[in-house]
N, C-alpha and C. Protein backbone atom coordinates (compact mmCIF):
# COMPACT_ATOMS: atom_id res chain seq x y z
N UNK A 1 82.24 105.12 55.40
CA UNK A 1 83.25 105.85 56.13
C UNK A 1 83.45 105.26 57.54
N UNK A 2 82.34 104.95 58.19
CA UNK A 2 82.41 104.40 59.54
C UNK A 2 83.15 103.06 59.53
N UNK A 3 82.87 102.23 58.54
CA UNK A 3 83.54 100.93 58.43
C UNK A 3 85.03 101.10 58.21
N UNK A 4 85.39 102.11 57.43
CA UNK A 4 86.80 102.38 57.16
C UNK A 4 87.52 102.79 58.45
N UNK A 5 86.89 103.62 59.26
CA UNK A 5 87.48 104.05 60.53
C UNK A 5 87.63 102.85 61.47
N UNK A 6 86.62 102.01 61.53
CA UNK A 6 86.70 100.82 62.38
C UNK A 6 87.81 99.89 61.90
N UNK A 7 87.94 99.73 60.61
CA UNK A 7 88.98 98.88 60.05
C UNK A 7 90.37 99.44 60.36
N UNK A 8 90.54 100.74 60.18
CA UNK A 8 91.83 101.36 60.47
C UNK A 8 92.16 101.29 61.96
N UNK A 9 91.15 101.46 62.81
CA UNK A 9 91.37 101.35 64.25
C UNK A 9 91.81 99.95 64.63
N UNK A 10 91.16 98.95 64.06
CA UNK A 10 91.53 97.56 64.35
C UNK A 10 92.94 97.27 63.84
N UNK A 11 93.28 97.78 62.68
CA UNK A 11 94.62 97.57 62.12
C UNK A 11 95.68 98.23 63.00
N UNK A 12 95.38 99.40 63.50
CA UNK A 12 96.33 100.10 64.37
C UNK A 12 96.57 99.31 65.66
N UNK A 13 95.51 98.74 66.22
CA UNK A 13 95.65 97.94 67.43
C UNK A 13 96.50 96.71 67.16
N UNK A 14 96.26 96.04 66.06
CA UNK A 14 97.04 94.85 65.70
C UNK A 14 98.50 95.21 65.50
N UNK A 15 98.77 96.35 64.89
CA UNK A 15 100.15 96.78 64.66
C UNK A 15 100.84 97.14 65.97
N UNK A 16 100.11 97.66 66.92
CA UNK A 16 100.70 98.07 68.20
C UNK A 16 100.95 96.90 69.13
N UNK A 17 100.23 95.81 68.98
CA UNK A 17 100.40 94.66 69.87
C UNK A 17 101.82 94.12 69.86
N UNK A 18 102.45 93.90 68.69
CA UNK A 18 103.83 93.42 68.73
C UNK A 18 104.77 94.42 69.41
N UNK A 19 104.56 95.71 69.22
CA UNK A 19 105.40 96.72 69.87
C UNK A 19 105.21 96.67 71.38
N UNK A 20 103.98 96.49 71.82
CA UNK A 20 103.70 96.40 73.26
C UNK A 20 104.33 95.15 73.84
N UNK A 21 104.25 94.05 73.12
CA UNK A 21 104.87 92.80 73.59
C UNK A 21 106.38 92.95 73.66
N UNK A 22 106.97 93.62 72.68
CA UNK A 22 108.42 93.85 72.68
C UNK A 22 108.82 94.72 73.87
N UNK A 23 108.06 95.77 74.12
CA UNK A 23 108.34 96.65 75.26
C UNK A 23 108.22 95.87 76.56
N UNK A 24 107.22 95.01 76.65
CA UNK A 24 107.02 94.18 77.84
C UNK A 24 108.20 93.24 78.05
N UNK A 25 108.67 92.61 76.97
CA UNK A 25 109.83 91.71 77.07
C UNK A 25 111.08 92.47 77.48
N UNK A 26 111.28 93.64 76.91
CA UNK A 26 112.44 94.45 77.28
C UNK A 26 112.35 94.88 78.73
N UNK A 27 111.16 95.25 79.16
CA UNK A 27 110.94 95.63 80.54
C UNK A 27 111.24 94.49 81.50
N UNK A 28 110.83 93.29 81.12
CA UNK A 28 111.10 92.10 81.95
C UNK A 28 112.59 91.85 82.07
N UNK A 29 113.30 91.98 80.97
CA UNK A 29 114.76 91.79 80.98
C UNK A 29 115.44 92.84 81.84
N UNK A 30 115.01 94.09 81.69
CA UNK A 30 115.58 95.18 82.48
C UNK A 30 115.29 94.99 83.97
N UNK A 31 114.07 94.56 84.28
CA UNK A 31 113.70 94.33 85.68
C UNK A 31 114.58 93.22 86.26
N UNK A 32 114.75 92.15 85.51
CA UNK A 32 115.55 91.03 86.00
C UNK A 32 116.99 91.46 86.29
N UNK A 33 117.56 92.28 85.43
CA UNK A 33 118.97 92.64 85.59
C UNK A 33 119.20 93.83 86.52
N UNK A 34 118.19 94.66 86.75
CA UNK A 34 118.39 95.88 87.55
C UNK A 34 117.58 95.96 88.84
N UNK A 35 116.48 95.26 88.91
CA UNK A 35 115.55 95.45 90.03
C UNK A 35 115.30 94.20 90.87
N UNK A 36 115.38 93.07 90.24
CA UNK A 36 114.96 91.82 90.87
C UNK A 36 115.77 91.47 92.12
N UNK A 37 117.04 91.84 92.16
CA UNK A 37 117.86 91.49 93.31
C UNK A 37 117.27 92.07 94.59
N UNK A 38 116.73 93.26 94.51
CA UNK A 38 116.14 93.89 95.70
C UNK A 38 114.63 93.66 95.78
N UNK A 39 113.93 93.89 94.68
CA UNK A 39 112.47 93.83 94.68
C UNK A 39 111.92 92.43 94.53
N UNK A 40 112.76 91.47 94.11
CA UNK A 40 112.31 90.11 93.90
C UNK A 40 111.57 89.96 92.58
N UNK A 41 111.46 88.72 92.13
CA UNK A 41 110.80 88.45 90.85
C UNK A 41 109.34 88.89 90.87
N UNK A 42 108.72 88.86 92.05
CA UNK A 42 107.31 89.25 92.16
C UNK A 42 107.12 90.73 92.50
N UNK A 43 108.23 91.45 92.74
CA UNK A 43 108.15 92.88 93.03
C UNK A 43 107.79 93.21 94.46
N UNK A 44 107.72 92.20 95.33
CA UNK A 44 107.27 92.43 96.71
C UNK A 44 108.40 92.80 97.67
N UNK A 45 109.65 92.72 97.22
CA UNK A 45 110.77 93.13 98.06
C UNK A 45 111.12 92.16 99.15
N UNK A 46 110.74 90.90 98.98
CA UNK A 46 110.97 89.91 100.03
C UNK A 46 112.31 89.19 99.89
N UNK A 47 113.23 89.73 99.13
CA UNK A 47 114.56 89.14 99.01
C UNK A 47 115.39 89.54 100.22
N UNK A 48 116.47 88.82 100.50
CA UNK A 48 117.33 89.24 101.63
C UNK A 48 117.82 90.69 101.48
N UNK A 49 118.24 91.04 100.29
CA UNK A 49 118.70 92.42 100.06
C UNK A 49 117.55 93.41 100.22
N UNK A 50 116.42 93.06 99.66
CA UNK A 50 115.25 93.93 99.76
C UNK A 50 114.80 94.14 101.19
N UNK A 51 114.83 93.08 101.99
CA UNK A 51 114.45 93.19 103.39
C UNK A 51 115.46 94.02 104.17
N UNK A 52 116.76 93.81 103.88
CA UNK A 52 117.80 94.57 104.58
C UNK A 52 117.70 96.07 104.27
N UNK A 53 117.36 96.39 103.01
CA UNK A 53 117.26 97.79 102.60
C UNK A 53 115.86 98.37 102.81
N UNK A 54 114.93 97.52 103.21
CA UNK A 54 113.53 97.93 103.39
C UNK A 54 112.96 98.57 102.12
N UNK A 55 113.14 97.83 101.01
CA UNK A 55 112.65 98.36 99.73
C UNK A 55 111.14 98.38 99.70
N UNK A 56 110.62 99.18 98.84
CA UNK A 56 109.19 99.33 98.67
C UNK A 56 108.63 98.13 97.91
N UNK A 57 107.52 97.62 98.40
CA UNK A 57 106.77 96.58 97.70
C UNK A 57 106.08 97.27 96.51
N UNK A 58 106.36 96.81 95.32
CA UNK A 58 105.80 97.45 94.13
C UNK A 58 104.30 97.25 94.00
N UNK A 59 103.73 96.38 94.83
CA UNK A 59 102.28 96.15 94.86
C UNK A 59 101.60 97.03 95.90
N UNK A 60 102.38 97.78 96.65
CA UNK A 60 101.83 98.68 97.66
C UNK A 60 100.89 99.67 96.99
N UNK A 61 99.71 99.92 97.59
CA UNK A 61 98.76 100.85 96.98
C UNK A 61 99.35 102.22 96.65
N UNK A 62 100.29 102.69 97.46
CA UNK A 62 100.91 104.00 97.18
C UNK A 62 101.70 103.96 95.88
N UNK A 63 102.34 102.84 95.59
CA UNK A 63 103.11 102.70 94.34
C UNK A 63 102.15 102.51 93.18
N UNK A 64 101.13 101.70 93.37
CA UNK A 64 100.14 101.47 92.32
C UNK A 64 99.47 102.77 91.91
N UNK A 65 99.22 103.66 92.87
CA UNK A 65 98.55 104.94 92.59
C UNK A 65 99.46 105.95 91.90
N UNK A 66 100.78 105.73 91.93
CA UNK A 66 101.70 106.68 91.29
C UNK A 66 101.42 106.75 89.80
N UNK A 67 101.62 107.90 89.22
CA UNK A 67 101.52 108.02 87.77
C UNK A 67 102.75 107.35 87.15
N UNK A 68 102.65 107.02 85.89
CA UNK A 68 103.80 106.44 85.19
C UNK A 68 104.98 107.42 85.22
N UNK A 69 104.69 108.69 85.09
CA UNK A 69 105.75 109.71 85.13
C UNK A 69 106.43 109.73 86.49
N UNK A 70 105.64 109.66 87.56
CA UNK A 70 106.22 109.64 88.90
C UNK A 70 107.09 108.40 89.11
N UNK A 71 106.60 107.26 88.66
CA UNK A 71 107.36 106.02 88.79
C UNK A 71 108.65 106.08 87.98
N UNK A 72 108.57 106.63 86.78
CA UNK A 72 109.76 106.79 85.94
C UNK A 72 110.76 107.73 86.61
N UNK A 73 110.28 108.77 87.26
CA UNK A 73 111.17 109.69 87.96
C UNK A 73 111.89 109.01 89.12
N UNK A 74 111.19 108.17 89.85
CA UNK A 74 111.82 107.44 90.95
C UNK A 74 112.90 106.50 90.40
N UNK A 75 112.59 105.83 89.31
CA UNK A 75 113.58 104.93 88.70
C UNK A 75 114.78 105.74 88.21
N UNK A 76 114.53 106.84 87.56
CA UNK A 76 115.61 107.64 86.99
C UNK A 76 116.45 108.37 88.03
N UNK A 77 115.79 108.91 89.05
CA UNK A 77 116.50 109.75 90.02
C UNK A 77 116.79 109.05 91.34
N UNK A 78 116.14 107.90 91.57
CA UNK A 78 116.32 107.18 92.83
C UNK A 78 115.49 107.81 93.93
N UNK A 79 115.43 107.10 95.06
CA UNK A 79 114.68 107.60 96.21
C UNK A 79 115.08 106.77 97.42
N UNK A 80 115.36 107.44 98.51
CA UNK A 80 115.83 106.80 99.74
C UNK A 80 116.97 105.83 99.43
N UNK A 81 116.80 104.54 99.71
CA UNK A 81 117.88 103.56 99.47
C UNK A 81 118.01 103.12 98.01
N UNK A 82 117.06 103.49 97.18
CA UNK A 82 117.10 103.07 95.78
C UNK A 82 118.03 103.99 94.99
N UNK A 83 118.99 103.39 94.29
CA UNK A 83 119.89 104.22 93.48
C UNK A 83 119.19 104.76 92.24
N UNK A 84 119.75 105.81 91.68
CA UNK A 84 119.25 106.39 90.44
C UNK A 84 119.72 105.54 89.26
N UNK A 85 118.82 105.26 88.35
CA UNK A 85 119.16 104.48 87.16
C UNK A 85 119.16 105.34 85.90
N UNK A 86 118.96 106.64 86.05
CA UNK A 86 118.89 107.54 84.90
C UNK A 86 120.16 107.61 84.10
N UNK A 87 121.30 107.34 84.72
CA UNK A 87 122.56 107.36 83.97
C UNK A 87 122.87 106.01 83.33
N UNK A 88 122.16 104.97 83.76
CA UNK A 88 122.38 103.61 83.21
C UNK A 88 121.34 103.21 82.18
N UNK A 89 120.14 103.78 82.31
CA UNK A 89 119.05 103.41 81.43
C UNK A 89 118.59 104.61 80.62
N UNK A 90 118.20 104.36 79.39
CA UNK A 90 117.67 105.42 78.53
C UNK A 90 116.20 105.68 78.90
N UNK A 91 115.67 106.83 78.53
CA UNK A 91 114.24 107.07 78.79
C UNK A 91 113.32 105.98 78.22
N UNK A 92 113.56 105.48 76.98
CA UNK A 92 112.70 104.39 76.50
C UNK A 92 112.83 103.11 77.34
N UNK A 93 114.03 102.83 77.85
CA UNK A 93 114.20 101.66 78.71
C UNK A 93 113.43 101.84 80.02
N UNK A 94 113.46 103.04 80.57
CA UNK A 94 112.71 103.31 81.79
C UNK A 94 111.22 103.17 81.54
N UNK A 95 110.75 103.63 80.38
CA UNK A 95 109.34 103.47 80.02
C UNK A 95 108.97 101.99 79.94
N UNK A 96 109.85 101.18 79.34
CA UNK A 96 109.59 99.74 79.25
C UNK A 96 109.57 99.11 80.64
N UNK A 97 110.42 99.58 81.50
CA UNK A 97 110.47 99.08 82.87
C UNK A 97 109.17 99.45 83.62
N UNK A 98 108.71 100.66 83.45
CA UNK A 98 107.44 101.08 84.05
C UNK A 98 106.31 100.21 83.54
N UNK A 99 106.30 99.95 82.24
CA UNK A 99 105.27 99.10 81.65
C UNK A 99 105.29 97.71 82.26
N UNK A 100 106.48 97.16 82.45
CA UNK A 100 106.60 95.84 83.06
C UNK A 100 106.12 95.87 84.51
N UNK A 101 106.49 96.90 85.25
CA UNK A 101 106.06 97.00 86.66
C UNK A 101 104.54 97.07 86.74
N UNK A 102 103.92 97.80 85.83
CA UNK A 102 102.45 97.88 85.81
C UNK A 102 101.84 96.50 85.57
N UNK A 103 102.42 95.73 84.66
CA UNK A 103 101.92 94.38 84.40
C UNK A 103 102.15 93.50 85.62
N UNK A 104 103.28 93.65 86.27
CA UNK A 104 103.61 92.88 87.47
C UNK A 104 102.60 93.18 88.58
N UNK A 105 102.21 94.42 88.69
CA UNK A 105 101.26 94.83 89.73
C UNK A 105 99.88 94.19 89.53
N UNK A 106 99.58 93.80 88.32
CA UNK A 106 98.28 93.18 88.03
C UNK A 106 98.26 91.69 88.31
N UNK A 107 99.41 91.13 88.60
CA UNK A 107 99.49 89.68 88.85
C UNK A 107 99.15 89.36 90.28
């Protein structure tokens, strides 16, 4: 029984990896088309537009400490100079974007 559970757990992880990679790729595409102009490819906000608008560095400890839900809410509803993307992006797209930002923060 224990071997069966371990086998099923390993199979589930293998099955989820392609879905996670797909979400990561979608998040990267969404970031490039919606966020990169201000936040930059590295998420640090060092672009001319980002500097002019004083955008948040996505590597800032305050952003890193945010929950995924909080980050998704900021993306969806906007905050300060950041526009709301909730009318342009679906909830799954915002989730993919959050996933990509989390990966970006680890770089």
